[in-house]
Amino acid sequence: MLAGGCLVNLLDAWKGRLRAAQAVLDMPPGKVSDRVVRKTLASVVDTLRTSIDRLETSARELTSLRASAKALERQSELLLRSLPTPSITTSRAGDIVAINPKAASLLNTSARHLIGKSLLLFLEDRDAGFAILRELREPEATVRRPITLRPRERARRHVLSCVTCLDEDTVQWFLFPDSRDA
């Protein structure tokens, strides 16, 4: 794929060829030989052909990478939906971006109505939820802590949370039954 450094090199080559071509065009009539014009034009055409080849290759690779990313996203969604454990994906602020059916059932609300809502609204102690999110300072950091959920129109539920920072923007919550609800 056309990496950032390669793109910069390609642009630099184009700028150099463009300056050379402009210098030839700026020469007064009669001061430029056909040989110089042909050589400059050949250099510009050669750079253009090379650039087009590289860009076409990059476009094919980008299309392939996009298809792979979509396939991985579909696999991830299928995996999330099929997990037997309640699982919620949130932003670093606690807003729900994905939720599996088990977690939606635990919160007594449909998954589509939960997307965009703050998970912290369903915690008895919201400060504890904020504390968990603050502890996740770097990707792959994990916090395990008991929390109490307040499902819509149901009795509170004690769960053990296992919360992992997936990347700088995304947090994954796994909620396991707590013996206090037995």
Protein backbone atom coordinates (compact mmCIF):
# COMPACT_ATOMS: atom_id res chain seq x y z
CA MET A 1 0.00 0.00 0.00
CA LEU A 2 1.07 3.56 -0.58
CA ALA A 3 2.34 4.41 2.89
CA GLY A 4 2.65 7.97 4.17
CA GLY A 5 6.40 8.11 3.52
CA CYS A 6 6.00 6.73 0.01
CA LEU A 7 3.26 9.28 -0.70
CA VAL A 8 5.53 12.09 0.48
CA ASN A 9 8.31 10.82 -1.81
CA LEU A 10 5.87 10.64 -4.71
CA LEU A 11 4.69 14.20 -4.07
CA ASP A 12 8.29 15.44 -3.77
CA ALA A 13 9.13 13.82 -7.12
CA TRP A 14 6.12 15.51 -8.68
CA LYS A 15 7.06 18.88 -7.25
CA GLY A 16 10.60 18.55 -8.62
CA ARG A 17 9.36 17.60 -12.09
CA LEU A 18 6.82 20.42 -11.99
CA ARG A 19 9.51 22.98 -11.10
CA ALA A 20 11.69 21.73 -13.96
CA ALA A 21 8.78 21.87 -16.41
CA GLN A 22 7.82 25.37 -15.20
CA ALA A 23 11.42 26.55 -15.59
CA VAL A 24 11.38 25.38 -19.21
CA LEU A 25 8.03 27.09 -19.82
CA ASP A 26 9.32 30.33 -18.27
CA MET A 27 12.28 30.53 -20.67
CA PRO A 28 11.94 33.11 -23.41
CA PRO A 29 11.04 31.80 -26.87
CA GLY A 30 14.08 30.73 -28.85
CA LYS A 31 16.13 30.02 -25.69
CA VAL A 32 14.83 26.49 -25.31
CA SER A 33 15.87 23.71 -27.60
CA ASP A 34 13.47 20.98 -28.68
CA ARG A 35 15.80 18.50 -27.02
CA VAL A 36 15.39 20.20 -23.59
CA VAL A 37 11.62 20.41 -24.01
CA ARG A 38 11.41 16.73 -25.01
CA LYS A 39 13.66 15.65 -22.13
CA THR A 40 11.62 17.65 -19.60
CA LEU A 41 8.33 16.40 -21.03
CA ALA A 42 9.60 12.79 -21.02
CA SER A 43 10.57 13.15 -17.35
CA VAL A 44 7.12 14.50 -16.45
CA VAL A 45 5.37 11.72 -18.41
CA ASP A 46 7.57 9.05 -16.76
CA THR A 47 6.80 10.41 -13.28
CA LEU A 48 3.10 10.54 -14.14
CA ARG A 49 3.07 6.91 -15.32
CA THR A 50 4.89 5.74 -12.18
CA SER A 51 2.52 7.73 -9.99
CA ILE A 52 -0.56 6.34 -11.72
CA ASP A 53 0.73 2.77 -11.30
CA ARG A 54 1.41 3.33 -7.60
CA LEU A 55 -1.96 5.00 -7.04
CA GLU A 56 -3.82 2.18 -8.85
CA THR A 57 -2.01 -0.40 -6.72
CA SER A 58 -2.84 1.58 -3.57
CA ALA A 59 -6.49 1.90 -4.62
CA ARG A 60 -6.75 -1.89 -5.06
CA GLU A 61 -5.08 -2.50 -1.70
CA LEU A 62 -7.34 0.07 0.00
CA THR A 63 -10.44 -1.59 -1.47
CA SER A 64 -9.22 -4.95 -0.18
CA LEU A 65 -8.46 -3.52 3.27
CA ARG A 66 -11.92 -1.93 3.46
CA ALA A 67 -13.54 -5.26 2.58
CA SER A 68 -11.44 -6.98 5.24
CA ALA A 69 -12.37 -4.34 7.82
CA LYS A 70 -16.09 -4.77 7.02
CA ALA A 71 -15.77 -8.55 7.34
CA LEU A 72 -14.01 -8.18 10.70
CA GLU A 73 -16.69 -5.76 11.87
CA ARG A 74 -19.43 -8.25 10.92
CA GLN A 75 -17.56 -11.06 12.71
CA SER A 76 -17.13 -8.86 15.78
CA GLU A 77 -20.85 -8.01 15.83
CA LEU A 78 -21.77 -11.69 15.45
CA LEU A 79 -19.39 -12.66 18.26
CA LEU A 80 -20.79 -9.94 20.54
CA ARG A 81 -24.39 -11.03 19.86
CA SER A 82 -23.60 -14.70 20.48
CA LEU A 83 -21.69 -14.26 23.76
CA PRO A 84 -23.47 -15.97 26.66
CA THR A 85 -22.11 -13.25 28.99
CA PRO A 86 -23.69 -9.78 29.13
CA SER A 87 -21.30 -7.54 27.24
CA ILE A 88 -21.41 -3.81 26.57
CA THR A 89 -19.06 -1.69 24.49
CA THR A 90 -18.90 1.95 25.54
CA SER A 91 -16.97 5.08 24.76
CA ARG A 92 -14.44 6.28 27.33
CA ALA A 93 -17.22 8.51 28.67
CA GLY A 94 -19.50 5.51 29.23
CA ASP A 95 -21.86 5.97 26.27
CA ILE A 96 -23.07 2.65 24.87
CA VAL A 97 -21.89 1.97 21.31
CA ALA A 98 -22.71 -1.77 21.17
CA ILE A 99 -24.52 -4.19 23.43
CA ASN A 100 -25.37 -7.87 23.19
CA PRO A 101 -28.87 -9.28 23.85
CA LYS A 102 -27.86 -10.70 27.25
CA ALA A 103 -26.78 -7.28 28.49
CA ALA A 104 -29.86 -5.57 27.04
CA SER A 105 -32.03 -8.11 28.84
CA LEU A 106 -30.11 -7.53 32.07
CA LEU A 107 -30.88 -3.79 31.77
CA ASN A 108 -34.50 -4.59 30.77
CA THR A 109 -34.30 -2.39 27.65
CA SER A 110 -33.97 -3.24 23.96
CA ALA A 111 -30.49 -2.95 22.52
CA ARG A 112 -31.50 -0.38 19.91
CA HIS A 113 -32.83 1.94 22.63
CA LEU A 114 -29.60 1.65 24.61
CA ILE A 115 -27.20 2.73 21.86
CA GLY A 116 -26.00 6.25 22.62
CA LYS A 117 -27.24 6.18 26.22
CA SER A 118 -24.83 6.34 29.13
CA LEU A 119 -24.26 3.01 30.86
CA LEU A 120 -23.69 5.02 34.03
CA LEU A 121 -27.43 5.82 34.12
CA PHE A 122 -27.97 2.14 34.93
CA LEU A 123 -25.47 2.04 37.81
CA GLU A 124 -26.61 2.53 41.37
CA ASP A 125 -23.32 4.27 42.17
CA ARG A 126 -22.40 6.37 39.13
CA ASP A 127 -19.26 7.62 40.86
CA ALA A 128 -18.03 4.01 40.97
CA GLY A 129 -18.59 3.80 37.21
CA PHE A 130 -16.64 7.01 36.64
CA ALA A 131 -13.87 5.65 38.88
CA ILE A 132 -13.66 2.48 36.77
CA LEU A 133 -13.40 4.54 33.57
CA ARG A 134 -10.70 6.77 35.10
CA GLU A 135 -8.62 3.72 36.08
CA LEU A 136 -8.46 2.59 32.45
CA ARG A 137 -5.58 4.83 31.50
CA GLU A 138 -4.13 2.80 28.63
CA PRO A 139 -5.24 0.19 26.09
CA GLU A 140 -5.57 -3.33 27.49
CA ALA A 141 -5.87 -2.06 31.07
CA THR A 142 -8.49 -4.07 32.97
CA VAL A 143 -10.48 -3.28 36.11
CA ARG A 144 -12.51 -5.91 37.99
CA ARG A 145 -15.04 -4.58 40.44
CA PRO A 146 -18.47 -5.45 41.86
CA ILE A 147 -21.14 -2.97 40.78
CA THR A 148 -24.88 -2.72 41.26
CA LEU A 149 -27.09 -2.26 38.23
CA ARG A 150 -30.45 -0.53 38.25
CA PRO A 151 -32.36 -2.12 35.35
CA ARG A 152 -35.41 -0.29 34.05
CA GLU A 153 -38.48 -1.25 36.11
CA ARG A 154 -36.74 -4.15 37.87
CA ALA A 155 -34.98 -4.76 41.16
CA ARG A 156 -31.32 -3.87 41.33
CA ARG A 157 -28.80 -6.51 40.29
CA HIS A 158 -25.36 -7.11 41.75
CA VAL A 159 -22.76 -8.06 39.14
CA LEU A 160 -19.03 -8.47 38.93
CA SER A 161 -17.71 -6.23 36.19
CA CYS A 162 -14.62 -6.94 34.16
CA VAL A 163 -13.90 -3.76 32.23
CA THR A 164 -11.13 -3.55 29.62
CA CYS A 165 -9.85 -0.58 27.67
CA LEU A 166 -9.78 -1.75 24.03
CA ASP A 167 -8.19 1.41 22.62
CA GLU A 168 -8.05 5.11 23.43
CA ASP A 169 -11.76 5.53 22.62
CA THR A 170 -13.41 2.20 23.45
CA VAL A 171 -14.14 0.23 26.63
CA GLN A 172 -15.56 -3.31 26.90
CA TRP A 173 -17.68 -4.27 29.92
CA PHE A 174 -18.37 -7.92 30.81
CA LEU A 175 -20.95 -8.43 33.56
CA PHE A 176 -20.99 -11.65 35.58
CA PRO A 177 -23.61 -12.73 38.14
CA ASP A 178 -22.68 -11.94 41.72
CA SER A 179 -23.47 -14.38 44.54
CA ARG A 180 -25.32 -11.58 46.40
CA ASP A 181 -28.21 -12.01 43.92
CA ALA A 182 -28.47 -15.76 44.48
